[in-house]
N, C-alpha and C. Protein backbone atom coordinates (compact mmCIF):
# COMPACT_ATOMS: atom_id res chain seq x y z
N MET A 1 108.10 81.35 92.91
CA MET A 1 107.74 82.45 93.78
C MET A 1 107.09 81.88 95.04
N ASP A 2 107.38 82.52 96.15
CA ASP A 2 106.71 82.09 97.38
C ASP A 2 105.43 82.92 97.57
N ALA A 3 104.65 82.58 98.59
CA ALA A 3 103.35 83.22 98.81
C ALA A 3 103.48 84.73 99.01
N ALA A 4 104.50 85.18 99.71
CA ALA A 4 104.68 86.62 99.95
C ALA A 4 104.96 87.36 98.65
N GLU A 5 105.75 86.75 97.77
CA GLU A 5 106.05 87.38 96.48
C GLU A 5 104.80 87.46 95.61
N VAL A 6 104.01 86.39 95.59
CA VAL A 6 102.77 86.39 94.82
C VAL A 6 101.82 87.44 95.36
N THR A 7 101.69 87.51 96.68
CA THR A 7 100.80 88.49 97.29
C THR A 7 101.22 89.91 96.92
N ALA A 8 102.49 90.20 96.94
CA ALA A 8 102.98 91.54 96.59
C ALA A 8 102.65 91.88 95.15
N VAL A 9 102.84 90.94 94.24
CA VAL A 9 102.52 91.17 92.83
C VAL A 9 101.03 91.39 92.66
N LEU A 10 100.22 90.53 93.28
CA LEU A 10 98.77 90.68 93.18
C LEU A 10 98.29 92.01 93.74
N ASP A 11 98.85 92.44 94.86
CA ASP A 11 98.47 93.73 95.44
C ASP A 11 98.73 94.86 94.46
N ARG A 12 99.88 94.84 93.78
CA ARG A 12 100.20 95.89 92.79
C ARG A 12 99.23 95.85 91.61
N ILE A 13 98.89 94.66 91.16
CA ILE A 13 97.96 94.53 90.03
C ILE A 13 96.58 95.02 90.43
N ILE A 14 96.11 94.61 91.59
CA ILE A 14 94.77 94.99 92.05
C ILE A 14 94.66 96.50 92.19
N GLU A 15 95.70 97.15 92.68
CA GLU A 15 95.71 98.61 92.80
C GLU A 15 95.46 99.29 91.46
N LYS A 16 95.94 98.69 90.38
CA LYS A 16 95.87 99.31 89.06
C LYS A 16 94.69 98.84 88.22
N LEU A 17 93.85 97.95 88.75
CA LEU A 17 92.71 97.47 87.97
C LEU A 17 91.74 98.61 87.68
N ALA A 18 91.27 98.64 86.44
CA ALA A 18 90.28 99.64 86.02
C ALA A 18 89.32 98.93 85.07
N PRO A 19 88.02 99.12 85.24
CA PRO A 19 87.04 98.36 84.45
C PRO A 19 87.19 98.49 82.94
N THR A 20 87.68 99.62 82.46
CA THR A 20 87.78 99.82 81.01
C THR A 20 89.09 99.33 80.42
N THR A 21 90.11 99.11 81.26
CA THR A 21 91.43 98.80 80.70
C THR A 21 92.10 97.55 81.25
N SER A 22 91.50 96.85 82.20
CA SER A 22 92.21 95.69 82.75
C SER A 22 91.25 94.70 83.41
N ARG A 23 91.72 93.48 83.50
CA ARG A 23 91.00 92.41 84.20
C ARG A 23 92.04 91.52 84.88
N LEU A 24 91.62 90.92 85.97
CA LEU A 24 92.40 89.89 86.66
C LEU A 24 91.57 88.62 86.61
N LEU A 25 92.08 87.58 85.98
CA LEU A 25 91.38 86.30 85.89
C LEU A 25 92.05 85.33 86.85
N ILE A 26 91.22 84.64 87.63
CA ILE A 26 91.72 83.69 88.63
C ILE A 26 91.04 82.35 88.39
N ALA A 27 91.83 81.28 88.36
CA ALA A 27 91.31 79.92 88.22
C ALA A 27 91.38 79.24 89.58
N LEU A 28 90.29 78.58 89.94
CA LEU A 28 90.23 77.84 91.20
C LEU A 28 90.19 76.34 90.92
N ALA A 29 90.80 75.58 91.80
CA ALA A 29 90.72 74.12 91.78
C ALA A 29 90.54 73.67 93.22
N ASP A 30 89.47 72.96 93.46
CA ASP A 30 89.15 72.50 94.82
C ASP A 30 89.11 73.65 95.81
N GLY A 31 88.59 74.80 95.37
CA GLY A 31 88.40 75.93 96.26
C GLY A 31 89.64 76.77 96.53
N THR A 32 90.76 76.45 95.90
CA THR A 32 91.98 77.25 96.11
C THR A 32 92.48 77.80 94.78
N VAL A 33 93.25 78.86 94.86
CA VAL A 33 93.78 79.48 93.65
C VAL A 33 94.74 78.51 92.97
N ALA A 34 94.45 78.22 91.70
CA ALA A 34 95.29 77.31 90.92
C ALA A 34 96.08 78.06 89.86
N GLY A 35 95.60 79.24 89.49
CA GLY A 35 96.29 80.02 88.48
C GLY A 35 95.65 81.38 88.33
N TRP A 36 96.37 82.26 87.64
CA TRP A 36 95.85 83.60 87.43
C TRP A 36 96.63 84.29 86.32
N LEU A 37 96.03 85.34 85.80
CA LEU A 37 96.70 86.20 84.83
C LEU A 37 96.04 87.57 84.87
N ASN A 38 96.72 88.53 84.27
CA ASN A 38 96.24 89.90 84.19
C ASN A 38 96.27 90.32 82.73
N ILE A 39 95.21 90.98 82.27
CA ILE A 39 95.19 91.54 80.92
C ILE A 39 94.98 93.04 81.05
N ARG A 40 95.75 93.78 80.24
CA ARG A 40 95.63 95.24 80.24
C ARG A 40 95.62 95.74 78.80
N CYS A 41 94.95 96.86 78.61
CA CYS A 41 94.99 97.52 77.31
C CYS A 41 95.15 99.02 77.54
N ASP A 42 95.56 99.69 76.49
CA ASP A 42 95.78 101.13 76.51
C ASP A 42 94.64 101.77 75.72
N PRO A 43 93.92 102.74 76.28
CA PRO A 43 92.77 103.31 75.58
C PRO A 43 93.12 104.28 74.45
N HIS A 44 94.39 104.60 74.24
CA HIS A 44 94.76 105.56 73.21
C HIS A 44 94.52 104.95 71.83
N PRO A 45 93.86 105.69 70.93
CA PRO A 45 93.41 105.15 69.65
C PRO A 45 94.42 104.34 68.84
N PRO A 46 95.67 104.73 68.71
CA PRO A 46 96.55 103.92 67.85
C PRO A 46 96.78 102.49 68.35
N VAL A 47 96.60 102.25 69.65
CA VAL A 47 96.87 100.92 70.20
C VAL A 47 95.68 100.34 70.98
N ALA A 48 94.52 100.97 70.88
CA ALA A 48 93.36 100.54 71.66
C ALA A 48 92.78 99.21 71.19
N HIS A 49 93.19 98.70 70.06
CA HIS A 49 92.64 97.46 69.53
C HIS A 49 93.35 96.21 70.04
N TRP A 50 94.42 96.36 70.82
CA TRP A 50 95.12 95.19 71.33
C TRP A 50 95.39 95.32 72.83
N GLY A 51 95.57 94.17 73.46
CA GLY A 51 95.88 94.13 74.88
C GLY A 51 97.09 93.25 75.13
N THR A 52 97.62 93.38 76.34
CA THR A 52 98.79 92.61 76.74
C THR A 52 98.45 91.75 77.95
N ILE A 53 98.86 90.51 77.89
CA ILE A 53 98.66 89.59 79.01
C ILE A 53 99.93 89.57 79.84
N HIS A 54 99.76 89.68 81.15
CA HIS A 54 100.88 89.70 82.09
C HIS A 54 100.67 88.64 83.17
N HIS A 55 101.75 88.18 83.73
CA HIS A 55 101.74 87.34 84.95
C HIS A 55 100.91 86.07 84.81
N VAL A 56 101.05 85.36 83.71
CA VAL A 56 100.36 84.07 83.57
C VAL A 56 101.08 83.08 84.49
N GLN A 57 100.35 82.59 85.49
CA GLN A 57 100.97 81.67 86.45
C GLN A 57 99.98 80.59 86.85
N THR A 58 100.50 79.38 87.01
CA THR A 58 99.71 78.29 87.59
C THR A 58 100.51 77.68 88.73
N ARG A 59 99.79 77.18 89.71
CA ARG A 59 100.43 76.55 90.86
C ARG A 59 101.12 75.26 90.40
N LEU A 60 102.32 75.02 90.89
CA LEU A 60 103.10 73.86 90.46
C LEU A 60 102.32 72.55 90.57
N GLY A 61 101.61 72.36 91.64
CA GLY A 61 100.91 71.10 91.87
C GLY A 61 99.76 70.81 90.93
N VAL A 62 99.32 71.81 90.16
CA VAL A 62 98.19 71.59 89.24
C VAL A 62 98.59 71.72 87.78
N ARG A 63 99.86 71.90 87.52
CA ARG A 63 100.30 72.02 86.13
C ARG A 63 100.07 70.71 85.39
N GLY A 64 99.75 70.83 84.11
CA GLY A 64 99.46 69.65 83.30
C GLY A 64 98.02 69.21 83.37
N GLN A 65 97.17 69.96 84.08
CA GLN A 65 95.77 69.60 84.23
C GLN A 65 94.84 70.48 83.40
N GLY A 66 95.41 71.34 82.54
CA GLY A 66 94.58 72.17 81.66
C GLY A 66 94.19 73.52 82.23
N ILE A 67 94.68 73.86 83.40
CA ILE A 67 94.29 75.13 84.02
C ILE A 67 94.86 76.31 83.24
N GLY A 68 96.13 76.23 82.85
CA GLY A 68 96.72 77.31 82.06
C GLY A 68 96.00 77.49 80.73
N ALA A 69 95.69 76.38 80.07
CA ALA A 69 94.97 76.45 78.79
C ALA A 69 93.58 77.04 78.99
N ALA A 70 92.91 76.67 80.08
CA ALA A 70 91.58 77.22 80.36
C ALA A 70 91.65 78.73 80.61
N LEU A 71 92.65 79.17 81.36
CA LEU A 71 92.83 80.61 81.58
C LEU A 71 93.05 81.34 80.26
N MET A 72 93.89 80.77 79.40
CA MET A 72 94.18 81.42 78.12
C MET A 72 92.95 81.44 77.21
N SER A 73 92.13 80.42 77.26
CA SER A 73 90.89 80.40 76.49
C SER A 73 89.93 81.47 77.00
N ARG A 74 89.82 81.55 78.31
CA ARG A 74 88.90 82.53 78.91
C ARG A 74 89.36 83.96 78.66
N VAL A 75 90.66 84.22 78.73
CA VAL A 75 91.13 85.59 78.51
C VAL A 75 90.88 86.01 77.06
N ARG A 76 90.94 85.07 76.16
CA ARG A 76 90.62 85.37 74.75
C ARG A 76 89.17 85.85 74.64
N GLU A 77 88.25 85.16 75.31
CA GLU A 77 86.83 85.55 75.31
C GLU A 77 86.63 86.91 75.96
N VAL A 78 87.24 87.11 77.11
CA VAL A 78 87.11 88.38 77.83
C VAL A 78 87.64 89.53 76.98
N ALA A 79 88.81 89.33 76.38
CA ALA A 79 89.42 90.38 75.55
C ALA A 79 88.51 90.75 74.39
N ARG A 80 87.97 89.76 73.74
CA ARG A 80 87.12 89.99 72.56
C ARG A 80 85.74 90.52 72.95
N ASP A 81 85.07 89.82 73.86
CA ASP A 81 83.66 90.09 74.13
C ASP A 81 83.42 91.21 75.13
N GLU A 82 84.28 91.35 76.12
CA GLU A 82 84.09 92.38 77.15
C GLU A 82 84.91 93.64 76.90
N MET A 83 86.11 93.47 76.34
CA MET A 83 87.01 94.61 76.18
C MET A 83 87.08 95.11 74.75
N GLY A 84 86.47 94.38 73.81
CA GLY A 84 86.44 94.80 72.42
C GLY A 84 87.78 94.77 71.71
N LEU A 85 88.68 93.91 72.16
CA LEU A 85 90.02 93.85 71.57
C LEU A 85 90.04 92.93 70.35
N GLU A 86 91.01 93.16 69.47
CA GLU A 86 91.17 92.37 68.26
C GLU A 86 92.39 91.46 68.29
N GLN A 87 93.36 91.78 69.13
CA GLN A 87 94.55 90.94 69.24
C GLN A 87 95.14 91.05 70.63
N LEU A 88 95.92 90.03 70.98
CA LEU A 88 96.59 89.98 72.28
C LEU A 88 98.08 89.77 72.08
N HIS A 89 98.86 90.33 72.99
CA HIS A 89 100.32 90.17 73.00
C HIS A 89 100.73 89.64 74.37
N LEU A 90 101.84 88.93 74.40
CA LEU A 90 102.46 88.54 75.67
C LEU A 90 103.95 88.32 75.44
N ALA A 91 104.69 88.34 76.53
CA ALA A 91 106.12 88.02 76.51
C ALA A 91 106.33 86.84 77.44
N ALA A 92 107.00 85.81 76.94
CA ALA A 92 107.20 84.58 77.72
C ALA A 92 108.68 84.29 77.87
N ARG A 93 109.03 83.64 78.95
CA ARG A 93 110.41 83.23 79.19
C ARG A 93 110.79 82.11 78.23
N GLY A 94 111.89 82.29 77.54
CA GLY A 94 112.38 81.26 76.62
C GLY A 94 113.07 80.13 77.37
N GLY A 95 113.15 78.98 76.71
CA GLY A 95 113.91 77.87 77.25
C GLY A 95 113.19 76.97 78.22
N VAL A 96 111.88 77.18 78.41
CA VAL A 96 111.15 76.32 79.35
C VAL A 96 109.89 75.71 78.72
N GLY A 97 109.78 75.79 77.39
CA GLY A 97 108.65 75.17 76.70
C GLY A 97 107.42 76.03 76.55
N LEU A 98 107.49 77.29 76.96
CA LEU A 98 106.30 78.13 76.86
C LEU A 98 105.93 78.46 75.42
N GLU A 99 106.92 78.56 74.54
CA GLU A 99 106.62 78.83 73.13
C GLU A 99 105.71 77.72 72.58
N GLU A 100 106.00 76.49 72.93
CA GLU A 100 105.20 75.36 72.47
C GLU A 100 103.81 75.37 73.10
N PHE A 101 103.74 75.66 74.39
CA PHE A 101 102.45 75.74 75.08
C PHE A 101 101.55 76.76 74.40
N TYR A 102 102.04 77.98 74.25
CA TYR A 102 101.23 79.02 73.62
C TYR A 102 100.96 78.70 72.16
N GLY A 103 101.93 78.12 71.46
CA GLY A 103 101.74 77.75 70.06
C GLY A 103 100.58 76.79 69.87
N ARG A 104 100.43 75.83 70.79
CA ARG A 104 99.30 74.89 70.71
C ARG A 104 97.96 75.59 70.87
N LEU A 105 97.98 76.78 71.47
CA LEU A 105 96.75 77.54 71.69
C LEU A 105 96.51 78.58 70.61
N GLY A 106 97.34 78.55 69.56
CA GLY A 106 97.14 79.46 68.43
C GLY A 106 98.01 80.70 68.41
N TRP A 107 98.84 80.88 69.42
CA TRP A 107 99.73 82.04 69.48
C TRP A 107 100.90 81.86 68.52
N LYS A 108 101.38 82.98 67.97
CA LYS A 108 102.52 82.99 67.05
C LYS A 108 103.66 83.80 67.65
N GLU A 109 104.87 83.27 67.52
CA GLU A 109 106.05 84.03 67.94
C GLU A 109 106.28 85.15 66.92
N ILE A 110 106.45 86.39 67.42
CA ILE A 110 106.68 87.53 66.52
C ILE A 110 108.04 88.18 66.74
N GLY A 111 108.81 87.67 67.69
CA GLY A 111 110.14 88.21 67.92
C GLY A 111 110.72 87.72 69.23
N ARG A 112 111.97 88.13 69.47
CA ARG A 112 112.69 87.76 70.70
C ARG A 112 113.59 88.89 71.13
N TRP A 113 113.77 88.99 72.42
CA TRP A 113 114.80 89.83 72.99
C TRP A 113 115.84 88.88 73.57
N PRO A 114 116.92 88.62 72.83
CA PRO A 114 117.93 87.66 73.30
C PRO A 114 118.54 88.06 74.64
N GLY A 115 118.58 87.11 75.56
CA GLY A 115 119.22 87.33 76.85
C GLY A 115 118.59 88.40 77.71
N ALA A 116 117.33 88.74 77.45
CA ALA A 116 116.69 89.84 78.18
C ALA A 116 116.37 89.52 79.63
N LEU A 117 116.23 88.25 79.96
CA LEU A 117 115.86 87.85 81.31
C LEU A 117 117.05 87.22 82.01
N ARG A 118 117.51 87.85 83.07
CA ARG A 118 118.64 87.31 83.83
C ARG A 118 118.08 86.64 85.08
N LEU A 119 118.08 85.32 85.07
CA LEU A 119 117.55 84.55 86.20
C LEU A 119 118.61 84.30 87.25
N ALA A 120 119.86 84.27 86.83
CA ALA A 120 121.01 84.13 87.72
C ALA A 120 122.20 84.71 86.97
N SER A 121 123.31 84.90 87.65
CA SER A 121 124.46 85.53 87.01
C SER A 121 124.94 84.77 85.78
N ASP A 122 124.67 83.48 85.73
CA ASP A 122 125.10 82.67 84.59
C ASP A 122 123.92 82.09 83.81
N ASP A 123 122.73 82.68 83.95
CA ASP A 123 121.53 82.14 83.31
C ASP A 123 120.69 83.27 82.71
N ASN A 124 121.00 83.63 81.48
CA ASN A 124 120.20 84.60 80.74
C ASN A 124 119.28 83.86 79.79
N ARG A 125 118.03 84.29 79.72
CA ARG A 125 117.05 83.66 78.83
C ARG A 125 116.49 84.70 77.88
N ASP A 126 116.06 84.22 76.72
CA ASP A 126 115.36 85.10 75.79
C ASP A 126 113.98 85.42 76.33
N GLU A 127 113.50 86.60 76.01
CA GLU A 127 112.10 86.92 76.22
C GLU A 127 111.44 86.77 74.86
N VAL A 128 110.46 85.88 74.78
CA VAL A 128 109.81 85.53 73.52
C VAL A 128 108.53 86.34 73.40
N LEU A 129 108.42 87.11 72.32
CA LEU A 129 107.25 87.95 72.08
C LEU A 129 106.25 87.18 71.24
N MET A 130 104.99 87.14 71.71
CA MET A 130 103.98 86.34 71.04
C MET A 130 102.71 87.16 70.83
N MET A 131 101.94 86.75 69.80
CA MET A 131 100.71 87.47 69.47
C MET A 131 99.62 86.46 69.10
N LEU A 132 98.38 86.80 69.47
CA LEU A 132 97.21 86.02 69.08
C LEU A 132 96.26 86.94 68.34
N SER A 133 95.96 86.59 67.10
CA SER A 133 95.04 87.39 66.28
C SER A 133 94.58 86.53 65.12
N PRO A 134 93.30 86.55 64.77
CA PRO A 134 92.21 87.27 65.42
C PRO A 134 91.76 86.53 66.68
N LEU A 135 90.99 87.23 67.49
CA LEU A 135 90.47 86.63 68.70
C LEU A 135 89.15 85.93 68.40
């Protein structure tokens, strides 16, 4: 994604932030944004005990330095301690090693949507559904 695309996504997320149902976590490295993610939950009783993580991203130049892992550790704390959640869900792009990354952090694969992500006319990827519980 280029800067304009990231800005557009962030603007949409910021518009929808609400203290009881969402957070935006931002990681800084040397004073600049190195990564970010968004967590949201639904206050309706049947699903109020879990949240969903969206838009986990780290800047290419800082990957492999633990920033993504630090964000995921922090969101676990925020979800549990600030939002009162018991479990987290996310959907990750298959075929790029994300299942292994999240697996090392305690996440479990709970399903897949085969070919759900079309990156190009000849490049369909699975969307991998993952869960972390307990927090």
